[in-house]
Protein backbone atom coordinates (compact mmCIF):
# COMPACT_ATOMS: atom_id res chain seq x y z
CA MET A 1 -94.26 71.53 21.06
CA LYS A 2 -94.22 70.53 16.98
CA LYS A 3 -90.94 73.03 16.71
CA ILE A 4 -89.26 70.76 19.59
CA ILE A 5 -90.06 67.63 18.18
CA LEU A 6 -88.98 68.25 14.55
CA SER A 7 -85.68 69.88 16.16
CA VAL A 8 -85.28 66.39 17.87
CA LEU A 9 -86.14 64.40 14.70
CA VAL A 10 -83.47 66.96 12.71
CA ALA A 11 -80.96 66.45 15.23
CA SER A 12 -81.13 62.53 15.30
CA VAL A 13 -81.22 62.20 11.39
CA THR A 14 -78.01 63.79 11.10
CA LEU A 15 -76.57 61.81 14.13
CA PHE A 16 -77.81 58.50 12.23
CA ALA A 17 -76.32 59.99 9.00
CA ALA A 18 -73.08 60.83 10.97
CA GLY A 19 -72.62 57.50 12.15
CA GLY A 20 -73.82 58.02 15.00
CA THR A 21 -70.55 60.10 16.20
CA PRO A 22 -70.08 63.78 15.75
CA ILE A 23 -67.73 65.11 12.76
CA TYR A 24 -64.60 66.30 13.93
CA LYS A 25 -64.15 69.64 12.52
CA THR A 26 -60.60 70.91 12.65
CA GLY A 27 -60.29 74.98 14.15
CA MET A 28 -62.40 74.29 16.91
CA LEU A 29 -60.43 73.93 19.94
CA LEU A 30 -61.05 70.27 20.59
CA PRO A 31 -58.51 68.09 21.59
CA PRO A 32 -56.50 67.21 18.18
CA GLN A 33 -57.43 64.13 16.49
CA ALA A 34 -54.43 63.77 14.16
CA ASP A 35 -55.70 60.32 12.94
CA VAL A 36 -59.21 61.78 11.58
CA ILE A 37 -57.29 64.75 10.59
CA TYR A 38 -55.13 62.98 8.57
CA LYS A 39 -58.14 60.74 6.71
CA GLN A 40 -59.70 64.34 5.94
CA GLU A 41 -56.97 66.56 4.76
CA CYS A 42 -54.02 64.29 3.51
CA ALA A 43 -55.02 60.40 2.37
CA SER A 44 -56.72 61.68 -0.51
CA CYS A 45 -53.31 62.93 -1.51
CA HIS A 46 -50.94 60.98 -0.01
CA GLY A 47 -52.55 57.76 0.58
CA MET A 48 -53.36 56.04 3.66
CA ASP A 49 -49.75 54.62 4.22
CA GLY A 50 -48.19 58.06 3.35
CA LYS A 51 -46.59 56.26 0.46
CA SER A 52 -48.51 57.83 -2.41
CA THR A 53 -46.28 60.01 -4.61
CA SER A 54 -49.09 61.24 -6.99
CA PHE A 55 -52.66 63.45 -7.01
CA ALA A 56 -55.65 60.75 -8.22
CA GLY A 57 -56.16 60.87 -11.53
CA SER A 58 -53.36 63.31 -12.72
CA SER A 59 -49.93 61.42 -13.43
CA ARG A 60 -48.34 65.46 -13.74
CA ILE A 61 -48.43 66.14 -9.80
CA THR A 62 -45.80 64.14 -8.33
CA TYR A 63 -44.24 64.45 -4.91
CA LYS A 64 -42.37 62.35 -2.56
CA ALA A 65 -43.73 60.15 -0.23
CA ILE A 66 -44.10 61.05 3.86
CA THR A 67 -42.82 58.47 5.60
CA GLY A 68 -40.02 58.51 7.81
CA LEU A 69 -40.48 62.03 8.04
CA ASN A 70 -38.98 63.85 11.81
CA ALA A 71 -42.00 65.08 13.61
CA ASP A 72 -40.80 68.73 14.46
CA ALA A 73 -39.00 69.57 11.28
CA LEU A 74 -42.07 68.24 9.41
CA ALA A 75 -45.02 70.45 12.08
CA THR A 76 -42.27 73.11 11.20
CA GLU A 77 -42.71 72.66 7.27
CA LEU A 78 -46.48 72.14 7.50
CA LYS A 79 -46.75 75.61 9.69
CA GLN A 80 -44.64 77.28 6.99
CA TYR A 81 -46.96 75.80 3.99
CA ARG A 82 -50.02 77.29 6.34
CA GLY A 83 -48.75 80.31 7.15
CA GLY A 84 -50.29 83.38 8.17
CA ILE A 85 -49.16 83.97 12.31
CA LYS A 86 -46.27 86.96 11.90
CA SER A 87 -45.26 85.90 16.15
CA LYS A 88 -44.25 82.74 14.99
CA ASP A 89 -42.42 84.32 12.13
CA TYR A 90 -44.25 81.64 9.25
CA GLN A 91 -44.62 83.33 5.78
CA PRO A 92 -46.34 81.08 3.46
CA LEU A 93 -43.89 78.27 1.85
CA ASN A 94 -44.32 77.66 -1.39
CA LYS A 95 -41.50 74.71 -1.41
CA TYR A 96 -41.42 72.53 -4.83
CA GLY A 97 -44.26 74.58 -6.28
CA TYR A 98 -47.24 73.06 -3.86
CA GLY A 99 -47.55 76.12 -1.64
CA ALA A 100 -50.97 76.96 -2.71
CA LEU A 101 -52.48 73.12 -2.90
CA MET A 102 -50.87 72.88 0.81
CA LYS A 103 -52.54 75.65 2.10
CA SER A 104 -55.70 74.92 1.48
CA PRO A 105 -56.21 71.82 3.78
CA LEU A 106 -53.81 73.29 6.76
CA ARG A 107 -55.46 76.72 6.82
CA ASP A 108 -57.99 75.67 9.57
CA LEU A 109 -55.61 73.52 11.47
CA SER A 110 -54.62 75.27 14.61
CA TRP A 111 -50.79 75.27 15.73
CA GLU A 112 -52.02 72.61 18.16
CA GLU A 113 -53.69 70.29 15.72
CA ILE A 114 -50.09 70.50 13.41
CA ASP A 115 -48.28 69.26 15.88
CA ALA A 116 -50.88 66.61 16.76
CA LEU A 117 -50.37 65.66 12.85
CA ALA A 118 -46.88 66.29 12.83
CA LYS A 119 -46.21 63.93 15.46
CA TYR A 120 -49.36 61.15 13.89
CA ILE A 121 -47.10 60.64 10.55
CA ALA A 122 -43.66 60.52 11.83
CA GLU A 123 -44.95 57.42 14.61
CA ASN A 124 -46.99 55.93 11.91
CA PHE A 125 -45.67 56.32 8.32
CA LYS A 126 -41.97 54.73 8.72
């Protein structure tokens, strides 16, 4: 009985700490939540508006803003950065020298999540 009460208490505290909503975890076959993925994986470099052109805290790392991009072309490029699926013929991309930097946030995303993310960026950052 004590174990059950302790388990319920731990679960309650965890939900309370998360603001009452479960945390979205990429690659878990959940419906893609592109806005959450963007905030978790992309906003730290590209900013909440997609216009950031440098990594926070470093003036040496610069890149173009991600505004005004085509969803299909962006999805293909993100899949190339992710790499790893031979049947899709996506070999890891090192465009502009950002291969490792871009692969890190993309490695756990499913193809459906990448498609949703690309569509979200194209529609919201014009």
